[in-house]
Amino acid sequence: MEYKRAHKFLYDRSVEKGFTNLADHIKRVGPLKITVSNLDFVTHLSKIIVGQQLSVQSAAAIWKRTDKILKKNNYKKENTKLNEKFKTAGLSRQKIGYLNGIIFNKELIKISKTELKKMSQHEYYEFLIKIKGIGPWSIEMSRIFFIGDPDVFSILDLGLKNAHLKMFNIKKYSESFYKNFSPYRSYMCLFLWRVLEDENVII
């Protein structure tokens, strides 16, 4: 099982590199699984947009209201009535614009998870970065929690940075430092988030 291999690899690598605190943490927590989203891709990306720059609690509350609107959405293009519903759900004008750019995007609607999985990380990035509101962090989160890519480290994630500071010096917080944990960097993200006791990370 991949998650068990990842746990052993990350523990062994931490011991090998002399990262005692990290090794102890990984051993104590035990194997962690990547929980892959069962949403369709458009809904998954919409959920990411809604949750950007919000606390976990606020994001969950606004998403619950937004999700109900999306499930009843029969419109073919952006319109005032739908935007008013989004506004009532608690979305800002900017996020409403981003959301419309996703839910009415024909490329996103028709692409399958199988097709997305066949893309390289670079191809996946280029496919999504052109969409307004979707930046590097959103792309990385979707690769972990939609594709299930085992080897993604989101250097822009504030939670990962804060967890790192509990283990290491800030000078070590870099892409090159975390290359030590390839090919299981997504699992390393899970272990670092758990340092902050965030046990329910899923997007």
C-alpha atoms as a PDB file:
ATOM      1  CA  MET A   1       0.000   0.000   0.000  1.00  0.00           C
ATOM      2  CA  GLU A   2       1.372   3.392  -1.071  1.00  0.00           C
ATOM      3  CA  TYR A   3       0.587   5.172   2.210  1.00  0.00           C
ATOM      4  CA  LYS A   4       2.478   2.550   4.214  1.00  0.00           C
ATOM      5  CA  ARG A   5       5.455   2.763   1.860  1.00  0.00           C
ATOM      6  CA  ALA A   6       5.335   6.552   2.173  1.00  0.00           C
ATOM      7  CA  HIS A   7       5.327   6.371   5.973  1.00  0.00           C
ATOM      8  CA  LYS A   8       8.343   4.049   6.076  1.00  0.00           C
ATOM      9  CA  PHE A   9      10.232   6.075   3.469  1.00  0.00           C
ATOM     10  CA  LEU A  10       9.648   9.418   5.203  1.00  0.00           C
ATOM     11  CA  TYR A  11      10.540   8.014   8.609  1.00  0.00           C
ATOM     12  CA  ASP A  12      13.720   6.355   7.301  1.00  0.00           C
ATOM     13  CA  ARG A  13      14.750   9.463   5.367  1.00  0.00           C
ATOM     14  CA  SER A  14      14.201  11.668   8.431  1.00  0.00           C
ATOM     15  CA  VAL A  15      16.378   9.359  10.531  1.00  0.00           C
ATOM     16  CA  GLU A  16      19.012   9.237   7.794  1.00  0.00           C
ATOM     17  CA  LYS A  17      19.139  13.058   7.620  1.00  0.00           C
ATOM     18  CA  GLY A  18      19.241  13.428  11.397  1.00  0.00           C
ATOM     19  CA  PHE A  19      15.822  15.101  11.623  1.00  0.00           C
ATOM     20  CA  THR A  20      15.039  13.545  14.992  1.00  0.00           C
ATOM     21  CA  ASN A  21      11.971  15.627  15.866  1.00  0.00           C
ATOM     22  CA  LEU A  22      10.412  14.955  12.474  1.00  0.00           C
ATOM     23  CA  ALA A  23      11.181  11.237  12.641  1.00  0.00           C
ATOM     24  CA  ASP A  24       9.620  11.004  16.114  1.00  0.00           C
ATOM     25  CA  HIS A  25       6.535  12.872  14.875  1.00  0.00           C
ATOM     26  CA  ILE A  26       6.094  10.611  11.835  1.00  0.00           C
ATOM     27  CA  LYS A  27       6.513   7.495  13.973  1.00  0.00           C
ATOM     28  CA  ARG A  28       4.045   8.752  16.599  1.00  0.00           C
ATOM     29  CA  VAL A  29       1.356   9.747  14.068  1.00  0.00           C
ATOM     30  CA  GLY A  30       1.608   6.545  12.047  1.00  0.00           C
ATOM     31  CA  PRO A  31       0.681   6.052   8.370  1.00  0.00           C
ATOM     32  CA  LEU A  32      -1.586   8.723   6.834  1.00  0.00           C
ATOM     33  CA  LYS A  33      -3.710   8.356   3.710  1.00  0.00           C
ATOM     34  CA  ILE A  34      -4.423  11.001   1.085  1.00  0.00           C
ATOM     35  CA  THR A  35      -8.193  11.424   1.032  1.00  0.00           C
ATOM     36  CA  VAL A  36      -9.034  11.998  -2.620  1.00  0.00           C
ATOM     37  CA  SER A  37     -12.084  14.136  -3.375  1.00  0.00           C
ATOM     38  CA  ASN A  38     -15.145  12.365  -4.788  1.00  0.00           C
ATOM     39  CA  LEU A  39     -16.497  15.623  -6.237  1.00  0.00           C
ATOM     40  CA  ASP A  40     -16.480  16.323  -9.961  1.00  0.00           C
ATOM     41  CA  PHE A  41     -13.596  18.554 -11.072  1.00  0.00           C
ATOM     42  CA  VAL A  42     -15.633  21.748 -11.479  1.00  0.00           C
ATOM     43  CA  THR A  43     -17.156  21.394  -8.011  1.00  0.00           C
ATOM     44  CA  HIS A  44     -13.778  20.541  -6.532  1.00  0.00           C
ATOM     45  CA  LEU A  45     -12.175  23.680  -7.991  1.00  0.00           C
ATOM     46  CA  SER A  46     -15.173  25.732  -6.887  1.00  0.00           C
ATOM     47  CA  LYS A  47     -14.684  24.517  -3.328  1.00  0.00           C
ATOM     48  CA  ILE A  48     -11.027  25.545  -3.451  1.00  0.00           C
ATOM     49  CA  ILE A  49     -11.997  29.038  -4.669  1.00  0.00           C
ATOM     50  CA  VAL A  50     -14.594  29.448  -1.917  1.00  0.00           C
ATOM     51  CA  GLY A  51     -12.100  28.428   0.774  1.00  0.00           C
ATOM     52  CA  GLN A  52      -9.240  30.703  -0.303  1.00  0.00           C
ATOM     53  CA  GLN A  53      -8.008  33.041   2.479  1.00  0.00           C
ATOM     54  CA  LEU A  54     -10.713  31.932   4.918  1.00  0.00           C
ATOM     55  CA  SER A  55     -10.595  30.056   8.203  1.00  0.00           C
ATOM     56  CA  VAL A  56     -11.614  26.399   8.064  1.00  0.00           C
ATOM     57  CA  GLN A  57     -14.890  27.173   9.853  1.00  0.00           C
ATOM     58  CA  SER A  58     -15.849  30.128   7.630  1.00  0.00           C
ATOM     59  CA  ALA A  59     -14.931  28.252   4.462  1.00  0.00           C
ATOM     60  CA  ALA A  60     -17.056  25.249   5.489  1.00  0.00           C
ATOM     61  CA  ALA A  61     -20.102  27.417   6.249  1.00  0.00           C
ATOM     62  CA  ILE A  62     -19.908  29.411   3.007  1.00  0.00           C
ATOM     63  CA  TRP A  63     -19.206  26.292   0.960  1.00  0.00           C
ATOM     64  CA  LYS A  64     -22.271  24.531   2.377  1.00  0.00           C
ATOM     65  CA  ARG A  65     -24.484  27.379   1.142  1.00  0.00           C
ATOM     66  CA  THR A  66     -22.646  27.696  -2.176  1.00  0.00           C
ATOM     67  CA  ASP A  67     -22.811  23.965  -2.848  1.00  0.00           C
ATOM     68  CA  LYS A  68     -26.608  24.020  -2.532  1.00  0.00           C
ATOM     69  CA  ILE A  69     -26.755  26.796  -5.128  1.00  0.00           C
ATOM     70  CA  LEU A  70     -24.454  24.926  -7.510  1.00  0.00           C
ATOM     71  CA  LYS A  71     -26.510  21.743  -7.262  1.00  0.00           C
ATOM     72  CA  LYS A  72     -29.619  23.664  -8.327  1.00  0.00           C
ATOM     73  CA  ASN A  73     -27.835  25.684 -11.012  1.00  0.00           C
ATOM     74  CA  ASN A  74     -29.554  25.299 -14.393  1.00  0.00           C
ATOM     75  CA  TYR A  75     -28.067  28.387 -16.020  1.00  0.00           C
ATOM     76  CA  LYS A  76     -25.893  28.155 -19.118  1.00  0.00           C
ATOM     77  CA  LYS A  77     -23.962  31.363 -18.525  1.00  0.00           C
ATOM     78  CA  GLU A  78     -23.232  34.008 -15.908  1.00  0.00           C
ATOM     79  CA  ASN A  79     -26.274  36.021 -14.896  1.00  0.00           C
ATOM     80  CA  THR A  80     -27.473  38.495 -12.278  1.00  0.00           C
ATOM     81  CA  LYS A  81     -29.852  36.127 -10.476  1.00  0.00           C
ATOM     82  CA  LEU A  82     -27.150  33.525  -9.911  1.00  0.00           C
ATOM     83  CA  ASN A  83     -24.670  36.171  -8.790  1.00  0.00           C
ATOM     84  CA  GLU A  84     -27.165  37.457  -6.234  1.00  0.00           C
ATOM     85  CA  LYS A  85     -27.514  33.952  -4.834  1.00  0.00           C
ATOM     86  CA  PHE A  86     -23.745  33.639  -4.537  1.00  0.00           C
ATOM     87  CA  LYS A  87     -23.597  37.014  -2.800  1.00  0.00           C
ATOM     88  CA  THR A  88     -26.256  35.901  -0.317  1.00  0.00           C
ATOM     89  CA  ALA A  89     -24.186  32.774   0.376  1.00  0.00           C
ATOM     90  CA  GLY A  90     -21.362  35.027   1.557  1.00  0.00           C
ATOM     91  CA  LEU A  91     -19.108  35.234  -1.481  1.00  0.00           C
ATOM     92  CA  SER A  92     -17.252  38.430  -2.392  1.00  0.00           C
ATOM     93  CA  ARG A  93     -17.655  39.991  -5.824  1.00  0.00           C
ATOM     94  CA  GLN A  94     -14.161  38.802  -6.737  1.00  0.00           C
ATOM     95  CA  LYS A  95     -14.866  35.202  -5.763  1.00  0.00           C
ATOM     96  CA  ILE A  96     -18.189  35.293  -7.611  1.00  0.00           C
ATOM     97  CA  GLY A  97     -16.263  36.274 -10.722  1.00  0.00           C
ATOM     98  CA  TYR A  98     -13.783  33.456 -10.223  1.00  0.00           C
ATOM     99  CA  LEU A  99     -16.573  30.964  -9.589  1.00  0.00           C
ATOM    100  CA  ASN A 100     -18.379  31.920 -12.795  1.00  0.00           C
ATOM    101  CA  GLY A 101     -15.125  31.452 -14.687  1.00  0.00           C
ATOM    102  CA  ILE A 102     -14.993  27.865 -13.435  1.00  0.00           C
ATOM    103  CA  ILE A 103     -18.595  26.632 -13.529  1.00  0.00           C
ATOM    104  CA  PHE A 104     -19.164  27.828 -17.089  1.00  0.00           C
ATOM    105  CA  ASN A 105     -15.752  26.748 -18.424  1.00  0.00           C
ATOM    106  CA  LYS A 106     -16.438  24.150 -21.127  1.00  0.00           C
ATOM    107  CA  GLU A 107     -12.945  22.656 -20.959  1.00  0.00           C
ATOM    108  CA  LEU A 108     -13.265  22.017 -17.222  1.00  0.00           C
ATOM    109  CA  ILE A 109     -16.773  20.619 -17.572  1.00  0.00           C
ATOM    110  CA  LYS A 110     -15.864  18.010 -20.163  1.00  0.00           C
ATOM    111  CA  ILE A 111     -12.422  16.843 -18.979  1.00  0.00           C
ATOM    112  CA  SER A 112     -12.300  13.539 -17.092  1.00  0.00           C
ATOM    113  CA  LYS A 113     -10.193  12.562 -14.085  1.00  0.00           C
ATOM    114  CA  THR A 114      -8.504   9.932 -16.272  1.00  0.00           C
ATOM    115  CA  GLU A 115      -7.380  12.641 -18.705  1.00  0.00           C
ATOM    116  CA  LEU A 116      -6.146  14.822 -15.848  1.00  0.00           C
ATOM    117  CA  LYS A 117      -4.143  11.950 -14.359  1.00  0.00           C
ATOM    118  CA  LYS A 118      -2.389  11.408 -17.695  1.00  0.00           C
ATOM    119  CA  MET A 119      -1.064  14.982 -17.633  1.00  0.00           C
ATOM    120  CA  SER A 120       2.422  15.717 -16.349  1.00  0.00           C
ATOM    121  CA  GLN A 121       2.682  18.184 -13.471  1.00  0.00           C
ATOM    122  CA  HIS A 122       3.731  20.842 -15.991  1.00  0.00           C
ATOM    123  CA  GLU A 123       0.806  20.112 -18.337  1.00  0.00           C
ATOM    124  CA  TYR A 124      -1.631  20.134 -15.438  1.00  0.00           C
ATOM    125  CA  TYR A 125      -0.240  23.461 -14.226  1.00  0.00           C
ATOM    126  CA  GLU A 126      -0.478  25.053 -17.681  1.00  0.00           C
ATOM    127  CA  PHE A 127      -4.034  23.770 -18.123  1.00  0.00           C
ATOM    128  CA  LEU A 128      -5.252  25.440 -14.920  1.00  0.00           C
ATOM    129  CA  ILE A 129      -3.080  28.532 -14.427  1.00  0.00           C
ATOM    130  CA  LYS A 130      -4.828  30.363 -17.279  1.00  0.00           C
ATOM    131  CA  ILE A 131      -8.100  30.274 -15.316  1.00  0.00           C
ATOM    132  CA  LYS A 132      -8.703  33.437 -13.304  1.00  0.00           C
ATOM    133  CA  GLY A 133      -8.603  32.774  -9.568  1.00  0.00           C
ATOM    134  CA  ILE A 134      -6.618  29.542  -9.906  1.00  0.00           C
ATOM    135  CA  GLY A 135      -3.033  30.068  -8.766  1.00  0.00           C
ATOM    136  CA  PRO A 136      -0.105  27.787  -7.875  1.00  0.00           C
ATOM    137  CA  TRP A 137      -1.474  26.920  -4.406  1.00  0.00           C
ATOM    138  CA  SER A 138      -4.891  25.941  -5.782  1.00  0.00           C
ATOM    139  CA  ILE A 139      -3.253  23.813  -8.462  1.00  0.00           C
ATOM    140  CA  GLU A 140      -1.069  22.037  -5.905  1.00  0.00           C
ATOM    141  CA  MET A 141      -4.015  21.346  -3.612  1.00  0.00           C
ATOM    142  CA  SER A 142      -6.009  19.892  -6.497  1.00  0.00           C
ATOM    143  CA  ARG A 143      -3.109  17.670  -7.515  1.00  0.00           C
ATOM    144  CA  ILE A 144      -2.943  16.264  -4.001  1.00  0.00           C
ATOM    145  CA  PHE A 145      -6.637  16.011  -3.191  1.00  0.00           C
ATOM    146  CA  PHE A 146      -8.205  15.433  -6.629  1.00  0.00           C
ATOM    147  CA  ILE A 147      -5.522  13.581  -8.583  1.00  0.00           C
ATOM    148  CA  GLY A 148      -3.940  11.926  -5.560  1.00  0.00           C
ATOM    149  CA  ASP A 149      -0.429  12.840  -6.729  1.00  0.00           C
ATOM    150  CA  PRO A 150       1.930  11.485  -4.025  1.00  0.00           C
ATOM    151  CA  ASP A 151       4.767  13.921  -4.757  1.00  0.00           C
ATOM    152  CA  VAL A 152       3.582  17.541  -4.380  1.00  0.00           C
ATOM    153  CA  PHE A 153       4.940  20.031  -1.857  1.00  0.00           C
ATOM    154  CA  SER A 154       3.126  23.371  -1.647  1.00  0.00           C
ATOM    155  CA  ILE A 155       5.816  25.821  -0.579  1.00  0.00           C
ATOM    156  CA  LEU A 156       3.217  28.645  -0.586  1.00  0.00           C
ATOM    157  CA  ASP A 157       1.000  26.967   2.011  1.00  0.00           C
ATOM    158  CA  LEU A 158       1.083  28.950   5.260  1.00  0.00           C
ATOM    159  CA  GLY A 159       0.195  25.904   7.352  1.00  0.00           C
ATOM    160  CA  LEU A 160       3.175  23.983   6.007  1.00  0.00           C
ATOM    161  CA  LYS A 161       5.460  26.926   6.707  1.00  0.00           C
ATOM    162  CA  ASN A 162       4.206  27.203  10.294  1.00  0.00           C
ATOM    163  CA  ALA A 163       4.607  23.467  10.838  1.00  0.00           C
ATOM    164  CA  HIS A 164       8.123  23.625   9.404  1.00  0.00           C
ATOM    165  CA  LEU A 165       9.039  26.348  11.907  1.00  0.00           C
ATOM    166  CA  LYS A 166       8.119  24.005  14.740  1.00  0.00           C
ATOM    167  CA  MET A 167      10.626  21.485  13.386  1.00  0.00           C
ATOM    168  CA  PHE A 168      13.360  23.460  11.644  1.00  0.00           C
ATOM    169  CA  ASN A 169      14.995  26.828  11.045  1.00  0.00           C
ATOM    170  CA  ILE A 170      13.239  29.125   8.575  1.00  0.00           C
ATOM    171  CA  LYS A 171      16.367  29.100   6.390  1.00  0.00           C
ATOM    172  CA  LYS A 172      15.635  25.472   5.563  1.00  0.00           C
ATOM    173  CA  TYR A 173      12.122  26.200   4.291  1.00  0.00           C
ATOM    174  CA  SER A 174      12.637  25.733   0.559  1.00  0.00           C
ATOM    175  CA  GLU A 175      11.719  23.535  -2.384  1.00  0.00           C
ATOM    176  CA  SER A 176      15.242  22.112  -2.400  1.00  0.00           C
ATOM    177  CA  PHE A 177      15.022  21.088   1.276  1.00  0.00           C
ATOM    178  CA  TYR A 178      11.806  19.150   0.695  1.00  0.00           C
ATOM    179  CA  LYS A 179      13.180  17.421  -2.388  1.00  0.00           C
ATOM    180  CA  ASN A 180      14.798  15.168   0.232  1.00  0.00           C
ATOM    181  CA  PHE A 181      11.356  13.604   0.687  1.00  0.00           C
ATOM    182  CA  SER A 182      10.511  12.930  -2.963  1.00  0.00           C
ATOM    183  CA  PRO A 183       8.669  10.822  -4.204  1.00  0.00           C
ATOM    184  CA  TYR A 184       6.306  11.179  -1.217  1.00  0.00           C
ATOM    185  CA  ARG A 185       6.171  14.928  -0.618  1.00  0.00           C
ATOM    186  CA  SER A 186       2.353  15.002  -0.580  1.00  0.00           C
ATOM    187  CA  TYR A 187       2.461  12.645   2.377  1.00  0.00           C
ATOM    188  CA  MET A 188       5.040  14.900   3.996  1.00  0.00           C
ATOM    189  CA  CYS A 189       2.465  17.701   3.680  1.00  0.00           C
ATOM    190  CA  LEU A 190      -0.017  15.522   5.590  1.00  0.00           C
ATOM    191  CA  PHE A 191       2.487  14.897   8.380  1.00  0.00           C
ATOM    192  CA  LEU A 192       3.402  18.580   8.615  1.00  0.00           C
ATOM    193  CA  TRP A 193      -0.239  19.673   8.735  1.00  0.00           C
ATOM    194  CA  ARG A 194      -0.700  17.172  11.554  1.00  0.00           C
ATOM    195  CA  VAL A 195       2.002  19.047  13.506  1.00  0.00           C
ATOM    196  CA  LEU A 196      -0.618  21.806  13.716  1.00  0.00           C
ATOM    197  CA  GLU A 197      -3.156  19.189  14.802  1.00  0.00           C
ATOM    198  CA  ASP A 198      -5.152  19.677  11.618  1.00  0.00           C
ATOM    199  CA  GLU A 199      -6.405  16.121  11.420  1.00  0.00           C
ATOM    200  CA  ASN A 200      -9.056  16.597   8.748  1.00  0.00           C
ATOM    201  CA  VAL A 201      -7.207  18.113   5.827  1.00  0.00           C
ATOM    202  CA  ILE A 202      -9.190  17.466   2.669  1.00  0.00           C
ATOM    203  CA  ILE A 203     -10.124  19.676  -0.253  1.00  0.00           C
END
